[in-house]
N, C-alpha and C. Protein backbone atom coordinates (compact mmCIF):
# COMPACT_ATOMS: atom_id res chain seq x y z
N MET A 1 98.72 104.67 114.46
CA MET A 1 99.47 103.91 113.63
C MET A 1 100.84 104.38 113.13
N ALA A 2 101.21 105.36 113.74
CA ALA A 2 102.29 106.24 113.35
C ALA A 2 103.54 105.09 113.14
N GLY A 3 103.44 104.30 114.17
CA GLY A 3 104.64 103.50 114.55
C GLY A 3 104.67 102.42 113.53
N SER A 4 103.73 102.31 112.65
CA SER A 4 103.68 101.20 111.83
C SER A 4 103.92 101.57 110.06
N ASP A 5 104.42 102.81 110.09
CA ASP A 5 104.74 103.35 108.61
C ASP A 5 103.40 103.33 107.74
N HIS A 6 102.49 103.57 108.10
CA HIS A 6 101.11 103.56 107.51
C HIS A 6 101.25 104.72 106.20
N GLY A 7 101.13 104.04 105.19
CA GLY A 7 101.15 104.96 104.07
C GLY A 7 102.49 105.46 103.56
N HIS A 8 103.52 104.93 104.21
CA HIS A 8 104.97 105.45 103.60
C HIS A 8 105.59 104.28 102.45
N THR A 9 104.77 104.14 101.44
CA THR A 9 105.11 102.89 100.43
C THR A 9 105.02 103.65 99.14
N PRO A 10 105.55 103.11 98.39
CA PRO A 10 105.76 103.61 96.79
C PRO A 10 104.34 103.78 96.04
N ALA A 11 103.55 102.67 96.55
CA ALA A 11 102.24 102.71 96.11
C ALA A 11 101.34 103.88 96.61
N ALA A 12 101.24 103.91 98.00
CA ALA A 12 100.61 105.26 98.44
C ALA A 12 101.13 106.52 97.84
N TRP A 13 102.29 106.88 98.00
CA TRP A 13 103.02 108.06 97.38
C TRP A 13 102.54 108.39 95.87
N THR A 14 102.65 107.39 95.00
CA THR A 14 102.25 107.47 93.67
C THR A 14 100.92 107.78 93.49
N GLY A 15 99.88 107.19 94.18
CA GLY A 15 98.41 107.26 94.12
C GLY A 15 98.35 108.52 94.59
N VAL A 16 98.58 109.11 95.60
CA VAL A 16 98.23 110.44 96.21
C VAL A 16 98.82 111.41 95.25
N THR A 17 100.03 111.30 94.76
CA THR A 17 100.58 112.41 94.08
C THR A 17 99.83 112.46 92.59
N ILE A 18 99.35 111.59 92.01
CA ILE A 18 98.45 111.71 90.72
C ILE A 18 97.30 112.12 90.96
N SER A 19 96.58 111.75 92.31
CA SER A 19 95.20 112.44 92.67
C SER A 19 95.46 113.71 92.77
N PHE A 20 96.57 114.24 93.67
CA PHE A 20 96.75 115.53 93.86
C PHE A 20 96.86 116.52 92.62
N ILE A 21 97.66 115.98 91.71
CA ILE A 21 97.66 116.56 90.42
C ILE A 21 96.45 116.80 89.76
N GLY A 22 95.50 115.60 89.77
CA GLY A 22 94.24 115.69 89.33
C GLY A 22 93.55 116.70 89.81
N PHE A 23 93.51 116.94 91.09
CA PHE A 23 92.85 117.73 91.96
C PHE A 23 93.27 119.28 91.34
N CYS A 24 94.47 119.23 91.37
CA CYS A 24 94.89 120.81 90.75
C CYS A 24 94.32 121.14 89.61
N VAL A 25 94.51 120.17 88.49
CA VAL A 25 93.96 120.27 87.14
C VAL A 25 92.44 120.62 87.23
N ALA A 26 91.55 119.77 88.01
CA ALA A 26 90.09 119.98 87.97
C ALA A 26 90.05 121.19 88.45
N GLY A 27 90.64 121.78 89.63
CA GLY A 27 90.17 123.13 90.19
C GLY A 27 90.58 124.13 89.46
N ALA A 28 91.89 124.09 88.68
CA ALA A 28 92.10 125.28 87.74
C ALA A 28 91.19 125.34 86.60
N PHE A 29 90.63 123.98 85.93
CA PHE A 29 89.68 124.22 84.99
C PHE A 29 88.35 124.63 85.24
N MET A 30 87.86 124.20 86.44
CA MET A 30 86.79 124.79 87.12
C MET A 30 86.86 126.17 87.18
N VAL A 31 87.76 126.95 87.36
CA VAL A 31 87.89 128.36 87.91
C VAL A 31 87.89 128.98 86.36
N ALA A 32 88.54 128.13 85.31
CA ALA A 32 88.41 128.68 83.88
C ALA A 32 87.26 128.46 83.32
N ALA A 33 86.35 127.79 83.97
CA ALA A 33 84.78 127.57 83.31
C ALA A 33 85.12 126.70 82.16
N ASN A 34 86.04 125.62 82.14
CA ASN A 34 86.20 124.59 81.19
C ASN A 34 85.86 123.16 81.52
N PRO A 35 84.70 122.84 81.22
CA PRO A 35 84.08 121.31 81.56
C PRO A 35 84.85 120.34 81.22
N LEU A 36 85.67 120.29 80.11
CA LEU A 36 86.45 119.33 79.51
C LEU A 36 87.62 119.12 80.27
N GLY A 37 88.18 120.13 80.75
CA GLY A 37 89.47 120.26 81.39
C GLY A 37 89.29 119.59 82.80
N PHE A 38 87.90 120.15 83.44
CA PHE A 38 87.64 119.50 84.64
C PHE A 38 87.64 118.20 84.75
N TRP A 39 86.71 117.67 83.81
CA TRP A 39 86.79 116.20 83.65
C TRP A 39 87.88 115.35 83.69
N ALA A 40 88.67 116.01 82.96
CA ALA A 40 89.92 115.46 82.72
C ALA A 40 90.87 115.42 84.08
N GLY A 41 90.78 116.50 84.76
CA GLY A 41 91.20 116.28 86.31
C GLY A 41 90.48 115.32 87.01
N MET A 42 89.36 115.20 87.01
CA MET A 42 88.64 114.18 87.79
C MET A 42 88.97 112.70 87.36
N ALA A 43 89.20 112.57 86.04
CA ALA A 43 89.76 111.26 85.57
C ALA A 43 91.20 111.05 86.30
N LEU A 44 91.95 112.02 86.34
CA LEU A 44 93.24 111.95 87.00
C LEU A 44 93.24 111.37 88.63
N ILE A 45 92.03 111.97 89.05
CA ILE A 45 91.88 111.47 90.46
C ILE A 45 91.80 110.06 90.61
N LEU A 46 90.77 109.62 89.71
CA LEU A 46 90.44 108.26 89.78
C LEU A 46 91.48 107.62 89.18
N LEU A 47 92.46 107.92 88.45
CA LEU A 47 93.42 107.27 88.07
C LEU A 47 94.59 107.00 89.12
N GLY A 48 94.55 107.87 89.87
CA GLY A 48 95.74 107.81 91.20
C GLY A 48 95.13 106.71 91.97
N GLY A 49 93.96 106.57 92.20
CA GLY A 49 93.55 105.32 92.87
C GLY A 49 93.77 104.14 92.46
N VAL A 50 93.47 103.98 90.93
CA VAL A 50 93.55 102.82 90.38
C VAL A 50 95.15 102.49 90.32
N VAL A 51 95.88 103.32 90.14
CA VAL A 51 97.36 103.08 89.91
C VAL A 51 97.88 102.77 91.37
N GLY A 52 97.50 103.47 92.48
CA GLY A 52 97.84 102.91 93.76
C GLY A 52 97.59 101.65 94.16
N PHE A 53 96.39 101.31 93.88
CA PHE A 53 95.89 99.90 94.09
C PHE A 53 96.64 98.91 93.13
N ALA A 54 96.87 99.18 91.93
CA ALA A 54 97.77 98.37 91.09
C ALA A 54 98.97 98.22 91.68
N MET A 55 99.67 99.08 92.13
CA MET A 55 101.07 99.04 92.74
C MET A 55 101.22 98.16 93.99
N LYS A 56 99.83 98.52 94.79
CA LYS A 56 99.78 97.71 96.03
C LYS A 56 99.82 96.28 95.74
N LEU A 57 98.89 95.86 94.61
CA LEU A 57 98.90 94.37 94.29
C LEU A 57 100.14 93.92 93.67
N ALA A 58 100.85 94.58 93.05
CA ALA A 58 102.25 94.32 92.59
C ALA A 58 103.28 94.26 93.67
N GLY A 59 102.99 94.36 94.92
CA GLY A 59 103.75 94.24 95.97
C GLY A 59 104.61 95.46 96.31
N LEU A 60 104.26 96.54 95.90
CA LEU A 60 104.66 97.95 96.31
C LEU A 60 104.13 98.69 97.54
N GLY A 61 103.11 97.93 97.96
CA GLY A 61 102.17 98.64 99.19
C GLY A 61 102.81 98.18 100.51
N GLN A 62 102.00 98.30 101.71
CA GLN A 62 102.61 98.03 103.01
C GLN A 62 102.86 96.46 103.12
N LYS A 63 103.75 95.97 103.75
CA LYS A 63 103.91 94.72 103.97
C LYS A 63 103.46 94.36 105.35
N PRO A 64 102.75 93.43 105.86
CA PRO A 64 102.21 92.95 106.90
C PRO A 64 103.55 92.71 107.97
N THR A 65 103.53 93.12 109.10
CA THR A 65 104.59 93.16 110.42
C THR A 65 103.89 92.64 111.48
N PRO A 66 104.55 92.12 112.36
CA PRO A 66 104.11 91.92 113.54
C PRO A 66 103.51 93.08 114.27
N GLU A 67 104.46 94.12 114.31
CA GLU A 67 104.06 95.45 114.78
C GLU A 67 102.57 95.83 114.31
N LEU A 68 102.49 95.73 112.80
CA LEU A 68 101.19 96.07 112.46
C LEU A 68 100.04 95.38 112.75
N ASP A 69 100.30 93.99 112.95
CA ASP A 69 99.18 93.07 113.45
C ASP A 69 98.72 93.46 114.98
N ARG A 70 99.80 93.90 115.79
CA ARG A 70 99.53 94.23 117.06
C ARG A 70 98.55 95.59 117.33
N ALA A 71 98.94 96.48 116.32
CA ALA A 71 98.21 97.72 116.51
C ALA A 71 96.92 97.48 116.04
N ARG A 72 96.62 96.64 114.89
CA ARG A 72 95.30 96.28 114.44
C ARG A 72 94.53 95.58 115.63
N ALA A 73 95.28 94.53 116.36
CA ALA A 73 94.54 93.99 117.42
C ALA A 73 94.07 94.81 118.42
N GLU A 74 94.95 95.81 118.90
CA GLU A 74 94.57 96.62 119.86
C GLU A 74 93.61 97.63 119.51
N ALA A 75 93.22 97.99 118.29
CA ALA A 75 92.41 98.97 117.77
C ALA A 75 91.04 98.12 117.77
N ALA A 76 91.23 96.84 117.53
CA ALA A 76 89.89 96.09 117.59
C ALA A 76 89.40 95.80 118.99
N ARG A 77 90.18 95.77 119.75
CA ARG A 77 89.88 95.70 121.38
C ARG A 77 89.20 96.94 121.86
N LYS A 78 89.45 98.14 121.42
CA LYS A 78 89.06 99.26 122.05
C LYS A 78 87.37 99.17 122.04
N ASP A 79 86.89 99.55 123.29
CA ASP A 79 85.29 99.58 123.10
C ASP A 79 84.79 100.80 122.62
N HIS A 80 83.79 100.93 121.70
CA HIS A 80 83.20 101.91 121.22
C HIS A 80 81.95 102.34 121.84
N THR A 81 81.76 103.44 122.52
CA THR A 81 80.43 103.54 123.14
C THR A 81 79.44 104.22 122.13
N PRO A 82 78.30 103.96 122.09
CA PRO A 82 77.29 104.51 121.05
C PRO A 82 76.89 105.96 121.53
N GLU A 83 77.15 106.18 122.89
CA GLU A 83 76.75 107.77 123.38
C GLU A 83 77.57 108.90 122.66
N THR A 84 78.79 108.51 122.93
CA THR A 84 80.06 109.48 122.44
C THR A 84 80.22 109.23 121.05
N GLY A 85 80.43 107.96 120.64
CA GLY A 85 81.00 107.48 119.22
C GLY A 85 82.47 107.47 119.53
N ARG A 86 82.96 107.73 120.48
CA ARG A 86 84.47 107.75 120.64
C ARG A 86 84.91 106.25 121.38
N ALA A 87 86.26 105.93 121.26
CA ALA A 87 86.73 104.77 121.88
C ALA A 87 86.93 105.00 123.32
N ASP A 88 86.72 103.94 124.15
CA ASP A 88 87.15 103.97 125.53
C ASP A 88 88.50 103.91 125.97
N VAL A 89 89.28 105.15 126.20
CA VAL A 89 90.49 105.24 126.69
C VAL A 89 91.00 104.57 127.97
N HIS A 90 89.96 104.15 128.82
CA HIS A 90 90.20 103.63 129.95
C HIS A 90 90.40 102.17 129.80
N ALA A 91 90.42 101.41 128.87
CA ALA A 91 90.43 99.96 128.49
C ALA A 91 91.78 99.43 128.80
């Protein structure tokens, strides 16, 4: 999916940045043994997901393109074998 700019949108960058800050806050307060700060960091992590999703709904997410549609169709055609759990690369 590298050719489809997967994740290179304002919605994705904003959501991940907010979640990363929340992760750092939660980690710092966990080490400091401060439960209130830890849960504030966890709330920031969830807020990042909500903000990213809201921005996607507002039109700042990835736009469908013919290249993206082709990549999705190709991924759907790959045969997954139950023995290995991997896609059949010889298709």
